[in-house]
Amino acid sequence: DILIANAGIFSLAPAHELTDEAWDDMIAVNLTGVWKSAKAVLPQMMEQGGGSIVMTSSINGLEPGANYVHYCAAKFGVVGIMKTLALEYAPHGIRVNSVHPGAILTPMTSWQGAWDMMSGKPPGEGTEADMLEAGYHFHALKGHGFLDPQRIADAALWLNSDLASSVTGITVPVDAGHLLIPGVNATPVK
């Protein structure tokens, strides 16, 4: 059996302005949801002598970003859960890994805050076209703007396949080389 724990929400706010409700919602969906999904399948996987779990994190589970501390906390937390479960359940033949999408074109990126953040424009001035153009500068790999969600699905399918039967406890960035670019996700102090 396999599990792909893939659910997520996103919002923006400077840390000092972040509401408790926004924090709680983010942790509930992006971290606790992953944990509860994994916890639910572990007994069956142990009983059958193995299985594979792939958790969706983010590049922000491997590097921080400004104005979304709650998102980064949840996605870094997914890595902690993944590595701990990979170690704890390896003796049961259960593999646990995570995928880390970069800039992906989904409904989560189709709103004003995402357009502004990704394009670097002042609040309310970014457009979807600005964001899409900025995507080409967000990735090191030539010709890659915002990525198709299918690329993340392909990585998750590989991790759950027999081709990856010896792979456990790893993070797999699907980011067209974003993490190779020093400081690309940094927000300078103004």
Protein backbone atom coordinates (compact mmCIF):
# COMPACT_ATOMS: atom_id res chain seq x y z
CA ASP A 1 0.00 0.00 0.00
CA ILE A 2 0.97 3.61 -0.49
CA LEU A 3 0.02 6.96 0.97
CA ILE A 4 0.58 10.33 -0.64
CA ALA A 5 -0.14 12.91 2.06
CA ASN A 6 -0.83 15.96 -0.07
CA ALA A 7 -2.93 18.83 1.20
CA GLY A 8 -2.02 22.42 1.76
CA ILE A 9 -3.08 25.99 2.29
CA PHE A 10 -1.07 29.21 2.09
CA SER A 11 -1.42 32.74 3.38
CA LEU A 12 0.83 35.72 3.96
CA ALA A 13 1.43 37.97 6.97
CA PRO A 14 4.46 39.39 8.74
CA ALA A 15 5.11 37.29 11.85
CA HIS A 16 4.16 40.08 14.28
CA GLU A 17 0.79 40.51 12.50
CA LEU A 18 -0.03 36.81 12.11
CA THR A 19 -3.26 35.90 13.86
CA ASP A 20 -3.55 32.86 16.09
CA GLU A 21 -6.33 31.63 13.80
CA ALA A 22 -4.08 31.82 10.70
CA TRP A 23 -1.31 29.98 12.59
CA ASP A 24 -3.69 27.28 13.85
CA ASP A 25 -5.30 26.75 10.43
CA MET A 26 -1.93 26.43 8.70
CA ILE A 27 -0.56 23.94 11.23
CA ALA A 28 -3.83 21.96 11.23
CA VAL A 29 -3.87 21.44 7.46
CA ASN A 30 -0.20 21.46 6.45
CA LEU A 31 1.31 19.59 9.42
CA THR A 32 -1.32 17.87 11.54
CA GLY A 33 -3.15 16.60 8.44
CA VAL A 34 0.04 14.93 7.20
CA TRP A 35 0.67 13.41 10.64
CA LYS A 36 -2.88 12.06 11.01
CA SER A 37 -2.82 10.58 7.50
CA ALA A 38 0.43 8.75 8.20
CA LYS A 39 -0.70 7.60 11.63
CA ALA A 40 -3.88 6.15 10.10
CA VAL A 41 -2.05 3.90 7.61
CA LEU A 42 0.91 2.76 9.73
CA PRO A 43 -0.89 -0.13 11.52
CA GLN A 44 -2.06 -1.65 8.21
CA MET A 45 1.37 -1.20 6.64
CA MET A 46 3.04 -2.88 9.64
CA GLU A 47 0.56 -5.74 9.50
CA GLN A 48 1.23 -6.36 5.80
CA GLY A 49 5.01 -6.06 6.22
CA GLY A 50 5.68 -2.81 4.40
CA GLY A 51 4.46 0.17 2.47
CA SER A 52 5.44 3.57 1.19
CA ILE A 53 4.48 7.03 2.40
CA VAL A 54 5.23 10.22 0.49
CA MET A 55 4.58 13.52 2.22
CA THR A 56 4.27 16.78 0.32
CA SER A 57 6.30 19.54 1.95
CA SER A 58 7.68 22.53 0.02
CA ILE A 59 10.96 24.19 -0.81
CA ASN A 60 9.97 26.18 2.28
CA GLY A 61 10.46 22.99 4.26
CA LEU A 62 14.14 23.28 3.29
CA GLU A 63 14.64 27.07 3.26
CA PRO A 64 12.83 29.90 5.04
CA GLY A 65 10.77 32.64 3.47
CA ALA A 66 9.66 35.98 4.86
CA ASN A 67 6.03 36.78 5.67
CA TYR A 68 4.85 33.19 6.03
CA VAL A 69 6.43 31.82 9.21
CA HIS A 70 3.40 29.60 9.80
CA TYR A 71 3.76 27.96 6.38
CA CYS A 72 7.51 27.42 6.83
CA ALA A 73 7.01 26.01 10.34
CA ALA A 74 4.49 23.49 9.02
CA LYS A 75 6.59 22.47 6.03
CA PHE A 76 9.81 22.14 8.08
CA GLY A 77 7.71 20.08 10.50
CA VAL A 78 6.73 17.71 7.69
CA VAL A 79 10.44 16.98 7.17
CA GLY A 80 10.80 16.18 10.86
CA ILE A 81 7.83 13.81 10.78
CA MET A 82 9.11 12.17 7.59
CA LYS A 83 12.63 11.56 8.87
CA THR A 84 11.41 10.30 12.24
CA LEU A 85 8.88 7.90 10.73
CA ALA A 86 11.42 6.72 8.13
CA LEU A 87 13.79 5.73 10.94
CA GLU A 88 11.13 4.33 13.25
CA TYR A 89 9.31 2.21 10.67
CA ALA A 90 12.18 1.06 8.43
CA PRO A 91 12.38 -2.19 10.45
CA HIS A 92 8.78 -2.82 9.38
CA GLY A 93 9.61 -2.36 5.68
CA ILE A 94 7.86 1.01 5.52
CA ARG A 95 9.54 3.70 3.44
CA VAL A 96 8.82 7.37 4.16
CA ASN A 97 9.99 10.25 1.96
CA SER A 98 8.98 13.81 1.09
CA VAL A 99 8.63 15.85 -2.08
CA HIS A 100 9.32 19.58 -2.05
CA PRO A 101 7.61 21.55 -4.81
CA GLY A 102 9.03 24.85 -5.94
CA ALA A 103 6.87 27.41 -7.74
CA ILE A 104 3.90 25.43 -9.01
CA LEU A 105 0.99 26.83 -10.98
CA THR A 106 -2.07 25.88 -8.92
CA PRO A 107 -5.09 27.66 -7.44
CA MET A 108 -2.85 28.41 -4.42
CA THR A 109 -0.84 30.78 -6.64
CA SER A 110 -3.86 32.39 -8.32
CA TRP A 111 -4.46 35.32 -5.98
CA GLN A 112 -3.20 38.85 -5.48
CA GLY A 113 -0.88 38.11 -2.55
CA ALA A 114 0.96 35.40 -4.51
CA TRP A 115 1.24 37.64 -7.57
CA ASP A 116 2.74 40.45 -5.46
CA MET A 117 5.10 38.18 -3.51
CA MET A 118 6.46 36.31 -6.52
CA SER A 119 6.74 39.35 -8.80
CA GLY A 120 8.28 41.61 -6.15
CA LYS A 121 5.68 44.28 -6.87
CA PRO A 122 4.13 46.45 -4.14
CA PRO A 123 0.94 45.08 -2.55
CA GLY A 124 -1.93 45.15 -4.99
CA GLU A 125 0.21 45.88 -8.06
CA GLY A 126 1.38 42.44 -9.14
CA THR A 127 -0.46 40.62 -11.90
CA GLU A 128 -0.61 36.97 -12.79
CA ALA A 129 1.51 37.78 -15.87
CA ASP A 130 4.13 39.46 -13.62
CA MET A 131 4.23 36.38 -11.40
CA LEU A 132 4.54 34.01 -14.36
CA GLU A 133 7.45 36.05 -15.78
CA ALA A 134 9.16 36.10 -12.37
CA GLY A 135 8.91 32.31 -12.25
CA TYR A 136 11.61 32.09 -14.93
CA HIS A 137 14.03 33.85 -12.55
CA PHE A 138 12.99 31.68 -9.61
CA HIS A 139 14.50 28.52 -11.09
CA ALA A 140 18.07 27.75 -12.13
CA LEU A 141 17.08 25.35 -14.89
CA LYS A 142 16.73 27.22 -18.17
CA GLY A 143 13.25 27.53 -19.60
CA HIS A 144 11.41 26.62 -16.42
CA GLY A 145 8.86 29.08 -15.11
CA PHE A 146 6.07 27.93 -12.86
CA LEU A 147 6.03 24.15 -12.91
CA ASP A 148 3.17 21.88 -13.88
CA PRO A 149 1.74 20.00 -10.86
CA GLN A 150 2.26 16.77 -12.82
CA ARG A 151 6.02 17.05 -12.12
CA ILE A 152 5.35 16.67 -8.38
CA ALA A 153 2.98 13.77 -9.04
CA ASP A 154 5.70 12.09 -11.13
CA ALA A 155 8.20 12.37 -8.26
CA ALA A 156 5.67 11.01 -5.76
CA LEU A 157 4.81 8.11 -8.05
CA TRP A 158 8.50 7.26 -8.45
CA LEU A 159 9.05 7.35 -4.68
CA ASN A 160 6.12 4.97 -4.25
CA SER A 161 7.27 2.63 -7.03
CA ASP A 162 9.48 -0.45 -6.93
CA LEU A 163 12.17 1.65 -8.66
CA ALA A 164 12.61 3.44 -5.32
CA SER A 165 12.36 0.34 -3.13
CA SER A 166 15.70 1.15 -1.45
CA VAL A 167 14.92 4.84 -0.91
CA THR A 168 13.73 6.09 2.46
CA GLY A 169 14.16 9.18 4.60
CA ILE A 170 15.00 11.58 1.78
CA THR A 171 13.76 14.98 0.66
CA VAL A 172 13.18 15.32 -3.08
CA PRO A 173 13.03 18.92 -4.28
CA VAL A 174 11.03 19.31 -7.49
CA ASP A 175 12.07 22.90 -8.04
CA ALA A 176 13.94 23.22 -11.36
CA GLY A 177 17.07 24.06 -9.37
CA HIS A 178 15.58 26.81 -7.20
CA LEU A 179 17.47 25.70 -4.10
CA LEU A 180 20.76 26.04 -6.01
CA ILE A 181 20.34 29.81 -6.31
CA PRO A 182 21.83 31.55 -3.24
CA GLY A 183 19.50 34.01 -1.57
CA VAL A 184 16.77 33.89 -4.22
CA ASN A 185 14.10 33.50 -1.57
CA ALA A 186 15.58 36.06 0.81
CA THR A 187 13.72 39.24 1.60
CA PRO A 188 16.21 42.07 2.23
CA VAL A 189 15.73 44.38 5.19
CA LYS A 190 14.38 47.69 3.93
